[in-house]
Amino acid sequence: MTQEDQKIIVEPKKKVKPNLPKMFKVLVLNDDFTPMEFVVDVLMKVFTKTEDEATRIMLKIHTEGMAICGIYPYEIAETKMNQVLKLAKEAQHPLQSIIEKI
């Protein structure tokens, strides 16, 4: 068998897509008792928002009943939600936070 008779078959490589983590929205819910200043402070501490960003989000929470404060993989979203709840409980405010899958 000569080299011309031998053929090498090369199969195209399959494209491998990385497994991206499922993402979750962290929402803060409005209530009639938590001071707006406290909400702004929490948004700045937990979500590293600027004062202007935190104020805009707080106003959206106040007028629309809730707002997205960030989008993260599950473990981070859960941690952020729990940080909000802990700060609210320590300050004796009823502020609530939830996560929702995107």
PDB file of N, CA and C in Angstrom:
ATOM      1  N   MET A   1       0.853  -1.167   0.000  1.00  0.00           N
ATOM      2  CA  MET A   1       0.000   0.000   0.000  1.00  0.00           C
ATOM      3  C   MET A   1       0.905   1.237   0.000  1.00  0.00           C
ATOM      4  N   THR A   2       0.639   2.109  -0.900  1.00  0.00           N
ATOM      5  CA  THR A   2       1.436   3.330  -0.985  1.00  0.00           C
ATOM      6  C   THR A   2       0.797   4.407  -0.131  1.00  0.00           C
ATOM      7  N   GLN A   3       1.558   5.479   0.050  1.00  0.00           N
ATOM      8  CA  GLN A   3       1.023   6.586   0.841  1.00  0.00           C
ATOM      9  C   GLN A   3      -0.198   7.191   0.177  1.00  0.00           C
ATOM     10  N   GLU A   4      -0.251   7.161  -1.111  1.00  0.00           N
ATOM     11  CA  GLU A   4      -1.392   7.727  -1.828  1.00  0.00           C
ATOM     12  C   GLU A   4      -2.655   6.926  -1.559  1.00  0.00           C
ATOM     13  N   ASP A   5      -2.499   5.639  -1.294  1.00  0.00           N
ATOM     14  CA  ASP A   5      -3.657   4.785  -1.046  1.00  0.00           C
ATOM     15  C   ASP A   5      -4.228   4.988   0.361  1.00  0.00           C
ATOM     16  N   GLN A   6      -3.399   5.444   1.276  1.00  0.00           N
ATOM     17  CA  GLN A   6      -3.854   5.647   2.646  1.00  0.00           C
ATOM     18  C   GLN A   6      -4.485   7.029   2.783  1.00  0.00           C
ATOM     19  N   LYS A   7      -5.642   7.052   3.327  1.00  0.00           N
ATOM     20  CA  LYS A   7      -6.320   8.327   3.560  1.00  0.00           C
ATOM     21  C   LYS A   7      -6.590   8.464   5.049  1.00  0.00           C
ATOM     22  N   ILE A   8      -6.351   9.634   5.523  1.00  0.00           N
ATOM     23  CA  ILE A   8      -6.621   9.912   6.929  1.00  0.00           C
ATOM     24  C   ILE A   8      -7.931  10.672   6.994  1.00  0.00           C
ATOM     25  N   ILE A   9      -8.817  10.158   7.785  1.00  0.00           N
ATOM     26  CA  ILE A   9     -10.108  10.821   7.960  1.00  0.00           C
ATOM     27  C   ILE A   9     -10.049  11.590   9.273  1.00  0.00           C
ATOM     28  N   VAL A  10     -10.256  12.862   9.165  1.00  0.00           N
ATOM     29  CA  VAL A  10     -10.253  13.713  10.349  1.00  0.00           C
ATOM     30  C   VAL A  10     -11.675  14.204  10.573  1.00  0.00           C
ATOM     31  N   GLU A  11     -12.210  13.835  11.727  1.00  0.00           N
ATOM     32  CA  GLU A  11     -13.557  14.302  12.053  1.00  0.00           C
ATOM     33  C   GLU A  11     -13.457  15.694  12.659  1.00  0.00           C
ATOM     34  N   PRO A  12     -14.385  16.551  12.284  1.00  0.00           N
ATOM     35  CA  PRO A  12     -14.350  17.897  12.869  1.00  0.00           C
ATOM     36  C   PRO A  12     -14.600  17.813  14.375  1.00  0.00           C
ATOM     37  N   LYS A  13     -13.893  18.652  15.097  1.00  0.00           N
ATOM     38  CA  LYS A  13     -14.068  18.673  16.547  1.00  0.00           C
ATOM     39  C   LYS A  13     -15.450  19.207  16.887  1.00  0.00           C
ATOM     40  N   LYS A  14     -16.036  18.578  17.874  1.00  0.00           N
ATOM     41  CA  LYS A  14     -17.327  19.064  18.349  1.00  0.00           C
ATOM     42  C   LYS A  14     -17.082  20.314  19.175  1.00  0.00           C
ATOM     43  N   LYS A  15     -17.927  21.291  18.972  1.00  0.00           N
ATOM     44  CA  LYS A  15     -17.799  22.511  19.756  1.00  0.00           C
ATOM     45  C   LYS A  15     -18.279  22.231  21.174  1.00  0.00           C
ATOM     46  N   VAL A  16     -17.437  22.543  22.094  1.00  0.00           N
ATOM     47  CA  VAL A  16     -17.770  22.326  23.499  1.00  0.00           C
ATOM     48  C   VAL A  16     -18.188  23.666  24.086  1.00  0.00           C
ATOM     49  N   LYS A  17     -19.406  23.697  24.557  1.00  0.00           N
ATOM     50  CA  LYS A  17     -19.905  24.908  25.195  1.00  0.00           C
ATOM     51  C   LYS A  17     -19.682  24.786  26.698  1.00  0.00           C
ATOM     52  N   PRO A  18     -19.148  25.827  27.287  1.00  0.00           N
ATOM     53  CA  PRO A  18     -18.957  25.753  28.746  1.00  0.00           C
ATOM     54  C   PRO A  18     -20.309  25.722  29.456  1.00  0.00           C
ATOM     55  N   ASN A  19     -20.350  25.008  30.538  1.00  0.00           N
ATOM     56  CA  ASN A  19     -21.576  24.962  31.334  1.00  0.00           C
ATOM     57  C   ASN A  19     -21.664  26.237  32.158  1.00  0.00           C
ATOM     58  N   LEU A  20     -22.464  27.159  31.684  1.00  0.00           N
ATOM     59  CA  LEU A  20     -22.637  28.409  32.407  1.00  0.00           C
ATOM     60  C   LEU A  20     -23.596  28.181  33.566  1.00  0.00           C
ATOM     61  N   PRO A  21     -23.328  28.793  34.703  1.00  0.00           N
ATOM     62  CA  PRO A  21     -24.228  28.592  35.846  1.00  0.00           C
ATOM     63  C   PRO A  21     -25.582  29.242  35.596  1.00  0.00           C
ATOM     64  N   LYS A  22     -26.605  28.649  36.175  1.00  0.00           N
ATOM     65  CA  LYS A  22     -27.933  29.260  36.106  1.00  0.00           C
ATOM     66  C   LYS A  22     -27.888  30.544  36.921  1.00  0.00           C
ATOM     67  N   MET A  23     -28.551  31.560  36.404  1.00  0.00           N
ATOM     68  CA  MET A  23     -28.487  32.866  37.046  1.00  0.00           C
ATOM     69  C   MET A  23     -29.796  33.167  37.776  1.00  0.00           C
ATOM     70  N   PHE A  24     -29.676  33.949  38.840  1.00  0.00           N
ATOM     71  CA  PHE A  24     -30.813  34.297  39.685  1.00  0.00           C
ATOM     72  C   PHE A  24     -30.838  35.795  39.943  1.00  0.00           C
ATOM     73  N   LYS A  25     -32.054  36.343  39.948  1.00  0.00           N
ATOM     74  CA  LYS A  25     -32.255  37.756  40.285  1.00  0.00           C
ATOM     75  C   LYS A  25     -32.406  37.859  41.797  1.00  0.00           C
ATOM     76  N   VAL A  26     -31.772  38.856  42.374  1.00  0.00           N
ATOM     77  CA  VAL A  26     -31.996  39.158  43.790  1.00  0.00           C
ATOM     78  C   VAL A  26     -32.919  40.366  43.821  1.00  0.00           C
ATOM     79  N   LEU A  27     -34.086  40.183  44.422  1.00  0.00           N
ATOM     80  CA  LEU A  27     -35.090  41.239  44.501  1.00  0.00           C
ATOM     81  C   LEU A  27     -35.241  41.709  45.941  1.00  0.00           C
ATOM     82  N   VAL A  28     -35.458  42.997  46.101  1.00  0.00           N
ATOM     83  CA  VAL A  28     -35.812  43.546  47.410  1.00  0.00           C
ATOM     84  C   VAL A  28     -37.244  44.036  47.294  1.00  0.00           C
ATOM     85  N   LEU A  29     -38.046  43.709  48.307  1.00  0.00           N
ATOM     86  CA  LEU A  29     -39.477  44.009  48.289  1.00  0.00           C
ATOM     87  C   LEU A  29     -39.792  45.238  49.134  1.00  0.00           C
ATOM     88  N   ASN A  30     -40.791  45.965  48.704  1.00  0.00           N
ATOM     89  CA  ASN A  30     -41.225  47.162  49.428  1.00  0.00           C
ATOM     90  C   ASN A  30     -42.033  46.781  50.668  1.00  0.00           C
ATOM     91  N   ASP A  31     -41.941  47.606  51.676  1.00  0.00           N
ATOM     92  CA  ASP A  31     -42.842  47.523  52.827  1.00  0.00           C
ATOM     93  C   ASP A  31     -43.088  48.947  53.311  1.00  0.00           C
ATOM     94  N   ASP A  32     -44.064  49.102  54.178  1.00  0.00           N
ATOM     95  CA  ASP A  32     -44.454  50.441  54.626  1.00  0.00           C
ATOM     96  C   ASP A  32     -43.698  50.919  55.867  1.00  0.00           C
ATOM     97  N   PHE A  33     -42.715  50.160  56.327  1.00  0.00           N
ATOM     98  CA  PHE A  33     -42.087  50.482  57.605  1.00  0.00           C
ATOM     99  C   PHE A  33     -40.585  50.741  57.540  1.00  0.00           C
ATOM    100  N   THR A  34     -39.889  50.092  56.625  1.00  0.00           N
ATOM    101  CA  THR A  34     -38.434  50.255  56.541  1.00  0.00           C
ATOM    102  C   THR A  34     -38.090  51.625  55.979  1.00  0.00           C
ATOM    103  N   PRO A  35     -37.257  52.396  56.675  1.00  0.00           N
ATOM    104  CA  PRO A  35     -36.890  53.731  56.175  1.00  0.00           C
ATOM    105  C   PRO A  35     -36.134  53.650  54.843  1.00  0.00           C
ATOM    106  N   MET A  36     -36.414  54.599  53.976  1.00  0.00           N
ATOM    107  CA  MET A  36     -35.769  54.638  52.668  1.00  0.00           C
ATOM    108  C   MET A  36     -34.252  54.726  52.798  1.00  0.00           C
ATOM    109  N   GLU A  37     -33.779  55.475  53.784  1.00  0.00           N
ATOM    110  CA  GLU A  37     -32.337  55.634  53.989  1.00  0.00           C
ATOM    111  C   GLU A  37     -31.681  54.296  54.323  1.00  0.00           C
ATOM    112  N   PHE A  38     -32.393  53.470  55.083  1.00  0.00           N
ATOM    113  CA  PHE A  38     -31.868  52.155  55.431  1.00  0.00           C
ATOM    114  C   PHE A  38     -31.742  51.289  54.181  1.00  0.00           C
ATOM    115  N   VAL A  39     -32.745  51.331  53.318  1.00  0.00           N
ATOM    116  CA  VAL A  39     -32.718  50.551  52.074  1.00  0.00           C
ATOM    117  C   VAL A  39     -31.532  50.985  51.212  1.00  0.00           C
ATOM    118  N   VAL A  40     -31.323  52.285  51.090  1.00  0.00           N
ATOM    119  CA  VAL A  40     -30.186  52.798  50.316  1.00  0.00           C
ATOM    120  C   VAL A  40     -28.878  52.279  50.909  1.00  0.00           C
ATOM    121  N   ASP A  41     -28.761  52.322  52.222  1.00  0.00           N
ATOM    122  CA  ASP A  41     -27.549  51.853  52.896  1.00  0.00           C
ATOM    123  C   ASP A  41     -27.309  50.370  52.628  1.00  0.00           C
ATOM    124  N   VAL A  42     -28.360  49.564  52.703  1.00  0.00           N
ATOM    125  CA  VAL A  42     -28.250  48.123  52.448  1.00  0.00           C
ATOM    126  C   VAL A  42     -27.811  47.874  51.005  1.00  0.00           C
ATOM    127  N   LEU A  43     -28.401  48.592  50.070  1.00  0.00           N
ATOM    128  CA  LEU A  43     -28.038  48.410  48.659  1.00  0.00           C
ATOM    129  C   LEU A  43     -26.570  48.765  48.414  1.00  0.00           C
ATOM    130  N   MET A  44     -26.085  49.773  49.094  1.00  0.00           N
ATOM    131  CA  MET A  44     -24.682  50.164  48.947  1.00  0.00           C
ATOM    132  C   MET A  44     -23.755  49.115  49.572  1.00  0.00           C
ATOM    133  N   LYS A  45     -24.130  48.594  50.739  1.00  0.00           N
ATOM    134  CA  LYS A  45     -23.287  47.619  51.440  1.00  0.00           C
ATOM    135  C   LYS A  45     -23.299  46.248  50.764  1.00  0.00           C
ATOM    136  N   VAL A  46     -24.477  45.743  50.479  1.00  0.00           N
ATOM    137  CA  VAL A  46     -24.609  44.368  49.992  1.00  0.00           C
ATOM    138  C   VAL A  46     -24.313  44.256  48.497  1.00  0.00           C
ATOM    139  N   PHE A  47     -24.785  45.221  47.726  1.00  0.00           N
ATOM    140  CA  PHE A  47     -24.673  45.127  46.268  1.00  0.00           C
ATOM    141  C   PHE A  47     -23.629  46.083  45.683  1.00  0.00           C
ATOM    142  N   THR A  48     -22.855  46.727  46.551  1.00  0.00           N
ATOM    143  CA  THR A  48     -21.815  47.691  46.162  1.00  0.00           C
ATOM    144  C   THR A  48     -22.307  48.710  45.129  1.00  0.00           C
ATOM    145  N   LYS A  49     -23.482  49.242  45.377  1.00  0.00           N
ATOM    146  CA  LYS A  49     -24.040  50.291  44.514  1.00  0.00           C
ATOM    147  C   LYS A  49     -23.539  51.653  44.996  1.00  0.00           C
ATOM    148  N   THR A  50     -23.448  52.584  44.052  1.00  0.00           N
ATOM    149  CA  THR A  50     -23.151  53.960  44.445  1.00  0.00           C
ATOM    150  C   THR A  50     -24.393  54.523  45.118  1.00  0.00           C
ATOM    151  N   GLU A  51     -24.256  55.660  45.755  1.00  0.00           N
ATOM    152  CA  GLU A  51     -25.417  56.268  46.405  1.00  0.00           C
ATOM    153  C   GLU A  51     -26.503  56.599  45.383  1.00  0.00           C
ATOM    154  N   ASP A  52     -26.113  57.096  44.208  1.00  0.00           N
ATOM    155  CA  ASP A  52     -27.103  57.406  43.163  1.00  0.00           C
ATOM    156  C   ASP A  52     -27.804  56.148  42.663  1.00  0.00           C
ATOM    157  N   GLU A  53     -27.032  55.083  42.405  1.00  0.00           N
ATOM    158  CA  GLU A  53     -27.633  53.823  41.953  1.00  0.00           C
ATOM    159  C   GLU A  53     -28.574  53.267  43.016  1.00  0.00           C
ATOM    160  N   ALA A  54     -28.123  53.276  44.261  1.00  0.00           N
ATOM    161  CA  ALA A  54     -28.932  52.750  45.362  1.00  0.00           C
ATOM    162  C   ALA A  54     -30.216  53.553  45.530  1.00  0.00           C
ATOM    163  N   THR A  55     -30.132  54.858  45.369  1.00  0.00           N
ATOM    164  CA  THR A  55     -31.324  55.708  45.489  1.00  0.00           C
ATOM    165  C   THR A  55     -32.311  55.399  44.370  1.00  0.00           C
ATOM    166  N   ARG A  56     -31.811  55.224  43.146  1.00  0.00           N
ATOM    167  CA  ARG A  56     -32.705  54.883  42.022  1.00  0.00           C
ATOM    168  C   ARG A  56     -33.405  53.546  42.261  1.00  0.00           C
ATOM    169  N   ILE A  57     -32.644  52.550  42.726  1.00  0.00           N
ATOM    170  CA  ILE A  57     -33.233  51.237  42.998  1.00  0.00           C
ATOM    171  C   ILE A  57     -34.243  51.335  44.133  1.00  0.00           C
ATOM    172  N   MET A  58     -33.906  52.065  45.187  1.00  0.00           N
ATOM    173  CA  MET A  58     -34.822  52.235  46.322  1.00  0.00           C
ATOM    174  C   MET A  58     -36.131  52.867  45.864  1.00  0.00           C
ATOM    175  N   LEU A  59     -36.050  53.879  45.006  1.00  0.00           N
ATOM    176  CA  LEU A  59     -37.274  54.526  44.514  1.00  0.00           C
ATOM    177  C   LEU A  59     -38.105  53.568  43.665  1.00  0.00           C
ATOM    178  N   LYS A  60     -37.437  52.715  42.906  1.00  0.00           N
ATOM    179  CA  LYS A  60     -38.161  51.710  42.122  1.00  0.00           C
ATOM    180  C   LYS A  60     -38.844  50.710  43.053  1.00  0.00           C
ATOM    181  N   ILE A  61     -38.152  50.295  44.095  1.00  0.00           N
ATOM    182  CA  ILE A  61     -38.755  49.397  45.088  1.00  0.00           C
ATOM    183  C   ILE A  61     -39.990  50.064  45.684  1.00  0.00           C
ATOM    184  N   HIS A  62     -39.853  51.323  46.042  1.00  0.00           N
ATOM    185  CA  HIS A  62     -40.936  52.072  46.685  1.00  0.00           C
ATOM    186  C   HIS A  62     -42.140  52.252  45.760  1.00  0.00           C
ATOM    187  N   THR A  63     -41.903  52.559  44.491  1.00  0.00           N
ATOM    188  CA  THR A  63     -43.016  52.851  43.575  1.00  0.00           C
ATOM    189  C   THR A  63     -43.589  51.614  42.895  1.00  0.00           C
ATOM    190  N   GLU A  64     -42.749  50.592  42.657  1.00  0.00           N
ATOM    191  CA  GLU A  64     -43.211  49.411  41.916  1.00  0.00           C
ATOM    192  C   GLU A  64     -43.392  48.173  42.787  1.00  0.00           C
ATOM    193  N   GLY A  65     -43.022  48.269  44.051  1.00  0.00           N
ATOM    194  CA  GLY A  65     -43.220  47.148  44.959  1.00  0.00           C
ATOM    195  C   GLY A  65     -42.021  46.231  45.109  1.00  0.00           C
ATOM    196  N   MET A  66     -41.113  46.266  44.147  1.00  0.00           N
ATOM    197  CA  MET A  66     -39.890  45.466  44.212  1.00  0.00           C
ATOM    198  C   MET A  66     -38.965  45.921  43.101  1.00  0.00           C
ATOM    199  N   ALA A  67     -37.701  45.544  43.213  1.00  0.00           N
ATOM    200  CA  ALA A  67     -36.738  45.853  42.161  1.00  0.00           C
ATOM    201  C   ALA A  67     -35.616  44.824  42.183  1.00  0.00           C
ATOM    202  N   ILE A  68     -35.047  44.600  41.013  1.00  0.00           N
ATOM    203  CA  ILE A  68     -33.882  43.728  40.893  1.00  0.00           C
ATOM    204  C   ILE A  68     -32.663  44.513  41.382  1.00  0.00           C
ATOM    205  N   CYS A  69     -31.942  43.918  42.297  1.00  0.00           N
ATOM    206  CA  CYS A  69     -30.740  44.569  42.835  1.00  0.00           C
ATOM    207  C   CYS A  69     -29.465  43.980  42.255  1.00  0.00           C
ATOM    208  N   GLY A  70     -29.572  42.817  41.654  1.00  0.00           N
ATOM    209  CA  GLY A  70     -28.418  42.186  41.024  1.00  0.00           C
ATOM    210  C   GLY A  70     -28.795  40.828  40.470  1.00  0.00           C
ATOM    211  N   ILE A  71     -27.941  40.319  39.579  1.00  0.00           N
ATOM    212  CA  ILE A  71     -28.133  39.006  38.971  1.00  0.00           C
ATOM    213  C   ILE A  71     -26.838  38.228  39.174  1.00  0.00           C
ATOM    214  N   TYR A  72     -26.975  37.034  39.767  1.00  0.00           N
ATOM    215  CA  TYR A  72     -25.802  36.263  40.170  1.00  0.00           C
ATOM    216  C   TYR A  72     -26.072  34.766  40.024  1.00  0.00           C
ATOM    217  N   PRO A  73     -24.996  33.944  40.052  1.00  0.00           N
ATOM    218  CA  PRO A  73     -25.194  32.501  40.191  1.00  0.00           C
ATOM    219  C   PRO A  73     -25.874  32.232  41.537  1.00  0.00           C
ATOM    220  N   TYR A  74     -26.480  31.058  41.660  1.00  0.00           N
ATOM    221  CA  TYR A  74     -27.326  30.751  42.815  1.00  0.00           C
ATOM    222  C   TYR A  74     -26.657  31.024  44.163  1.00  0.00           C
ATOM    223  N   GLU A  75     -25.449  30.513  44.362  1.00  0.00           N
ATOM    224  CA  GLU A  75     -24.807  30.632  45.672  1.00  0.00           C
ATOM    225  C   GLU A  75     -24.590  32.093  46.061  1.00  0.00           C
ATOM    226  N   ILE A  76     -24.184  32.899  45.105  1.00  0.00           N
ATOM    227  CA  ILE A  76     -23.953  34.320  45.387  1.00  0.00           C
ATOM    228  C   ILE A  76     -25.284  35.030  45.628  1.00  0.00           C
ATOM    229  N   ALA A  77     -26.287  34.715  44.809  1.00  0.00           N
ATOM    230  CA  ALA A  77     -27.613  35.331  44.981  1.00  0.00           C
ATOM    231  C   ALA A  77     -28.177  35.001  46.357  1.00  0.00           C
ATOM    232  N   GLU A  78     -28.044  33.758  46.761  1.00  0.00           N
ATOM    233  CA  GLU A  78     -28.552  33.347  48.077  1.00  0.00           C
ATOM    234  C   GLU A  78     -27.818  34.086  49.201  1.00  0.00           C
ATOM    235  N   THR A  79     -26.517  34.232  49.052  1.00  0.00           N
ATOM    236  CA  THR A  79     -25.730  34.955  50.054  1.00  0.00           C
ATOM    237  C   THR A  79     -26.170  36.408  50.148  1.00  0.00           C
ATOM    238  N   LYS A  80     -26.351  37.061  49.006  1.00  0.00           N
ATOM    239  CA  LYS A  80     -26.772  38.468  48.990  1.00  0.00           C
ATOM    240  C   LYS A  80     -28.149  38.613  49.640  1.00  0.00           C
ATOM    241  N   MET A  81     -29.072  37.719  49.297  1.00  0.00           N
ATOM    242  CA  MET A  81     -30.409  37.755  49.888  1.00  0.00           C
ATOM    243  C   MET A  81     -30.316  37.624  51.411  1.00  0.00           C
ATOM    244  N   ASN A  82     -29.520  36.673  51.870  1.00  0.00           N
ATOM    245  CA  ASN A  82     -29.378  36.457  53.313  1.00  0.00           C
ATOM    246  C   ASN A  82     -28.713  37.639  54.009  1.00  0.00           C
ATOM    247  N   GLN A  83     -27.791  38.306  53.332  1.00  0.00           N
ATOM    248  CA  GLN A  83     -27.169  39.501  53.910  1.00  0.00           C
ATOM    249  C   GLN A  83     -28.207  40.603  54.107  1.00  0.00           C
ATOM    250  N   VAL A  84     -29.081  40.784  53.113  1.00  0.00           N
ATOM    251  CA  VAL A  84     -30.153  41.789  53.233  1.00  0.00           C
ATOM    252  C   VAL A  84     -31.040  41.447  54.422  1.00  0.00           C
ATOM    253  N   LEU A  85     -31.458  40.192  54.504  1.00  0.00           N
ATOM    254  CA  LEU A  85     -32.350  39.770  55.585  1.00  0.00           C
ATOM    255  C   LEU A  85     -31.686  39.932  56.954  1.00  0.00           C
ATOM    256  N   LYS A  86     -30.397  39.618  57.042  1.00  0.00           N
ATOM    257  CA  LYS A  86     -29.673  39.741  58.313  1.00  0.00           C
ATOM    258  C   LYS A  86     -29.565  41.199  58.748  1.00  0.00           C
ATOM    259  N   LEU A  87     -29.192  42.074  57.822  1.00  0.00           N
ATOM    260  CA  LEU A  87     -29.087  43.495  58.162  1.00  0.00           C
ATOM    261  C   LEU A  87     -30.439  44.056  58.602  1.00  0.00           C
ATOM    262  N   ALA A  88     -31.500  43.653  57.911  1.00  0.00           N
ATOM    263  CA  ALA A  88     -32.842  44.127  58.259  1.00  0.00           C
ATOM    264  C   ALA A  88     -33.242  43.632  59.648  1.00  0.00           C
ATOM    265  N   LYS A  89     -32.975  42.360  59.917  1.00  0.00           N
ATOM    266  CA  LYS A  89     -33.337  41.803  61.222  1.00  0.00           C
ATOM    267  C   LYS A  89     -32.560  42.487  62.344  1.00  0.00           C
ATOM    268  N   GLU A  90     -31.262  42.701  62.120  1.00  0.00           N
ATOM    269  CA  GLU A  90     -30.437  43.366  63.137  1.00  0.00           C
ATOM    270  C   GLU A  90     -30.929  44.776  63.437  1.00  0.00           C
ATOM    271  N   ALA A  91     -31.448  45.450  62.402  1.00  0.00           N
ATOM    272  CA  ALA A  91     -31.953  46.819  62.577  1.00  0.00           C
ATOM    273  C   ALA A  91     -33.436  46.829  62.953  1.00  0.00           C
ATOM    274  N   GLN A  92     -34.016  45.648  63.107  1.00  0.00           N
ATOM    275  CA  GLN A  92     -35.430  45.482  63.453  1.00  0.00           C
ATOM    276  C   GLN A  92     -36.356  46.125  62.421  1.00  0.00           C
ATOM    277  N   HIS A  93     -36.016  45.891  61.141  1.00  0.00           N
ATOM    278  CA  HIS A  93     -36.869  46.343  60.036  1.00  0.00           C
ATOM    279  C   HIS A  93     -37.425  45.113  59.323  1.00  0.00           C
ATOM    280  N   PRO A  94     -38.629  45.221  58.763  1.00  0.00           N
ATOM    281  CA  PRO A  94     -39.238  44.069  58.094  1.00  0.00           C
ATOM    282  C   PRO A  94     -38.830  43.905  56.624  1.00  0.00           C
ATOM    283  N   LEU A  95     -37.763  44.548  56.184  1.00  0.00           N
ATOM    284  CA  LEU A  95     -37.338  44.484  54.787  1.00  0.00           C
ATOM    285  C   LEU A  95     -37.144  43.036  54.352  1.00  0.00           C
ATOM    286  N   GLN A  96     -37.672  42.698  53.178  1.00  0.00           N
ATOM    287  CA  GLN A  96     -37.594  41.337  52.656  1.00  0.00           C
ATOM    288  C   GLN A  96     -36.843  41.312  51.328  1.00  0.00           C
ATOM    289  N   SER A  97     -36.200  40.182  51.077  1.00  0.00           N
ATOM    290  CA  SER A  97     -35.480  39.958  49.832  1.00  0.00           C
ATOM    291  C   SER A  97     -35.744  38.529  49.393  1.00  0.00           C
ATOM    292  N   ILE A  98     -35.847  38.332  48.086  1.00  0.00           N
ATOM    293  CA  ILE A  98     -36.070  36.998  47.528  1.00  0.00           C
ATOM    294  C   ILE A  98     -35.161  36.825  46.317  1.00  0.00           C
ATOM    295  N   ILE A  99     -35.014  35.561  45.887  1.00  0.00           N
ATOM    296  CA  ILE A  99     -34.305  35.301  44.642  1.00  0.00           C
ATOM    297  C   ILE A  99     -35.247  34.579  43.692  1.00  0.00           C
ATOM    298  N   GLU A 100     -35.074  34.844  42.402  1.00  0.00           N
ATOM    299  CA  GLU A 100     -35.872  34.195  41.361  1.00  0.00           C
ATOM    300  C   GLU A 100     -34.950  33.761  40.240  1.00  0.00           C
ATOM    301  N   LYS A 101     -35.178  32.555  39.749  1.00  0.00           N
ATOM    302  CA  LYS A 101     -34.397  32.041  38.626  1.00  0.00           C
ATOM    303  C   LYS A 101     -34.761  32.813  37.364  1.00  0.00           C
ATOM    304  N   ILE A 102     -33.759  33.096  36.573  1.00  0.00           N
ATOM    305  CA  ILE A 102     -34.007  33.805  35.306  1.00  0.00           C
ATOM    306  C   ILE A 102     -34.385  32.788  34.251  1.00  0.00           C
TER     307      ILE A 102
END
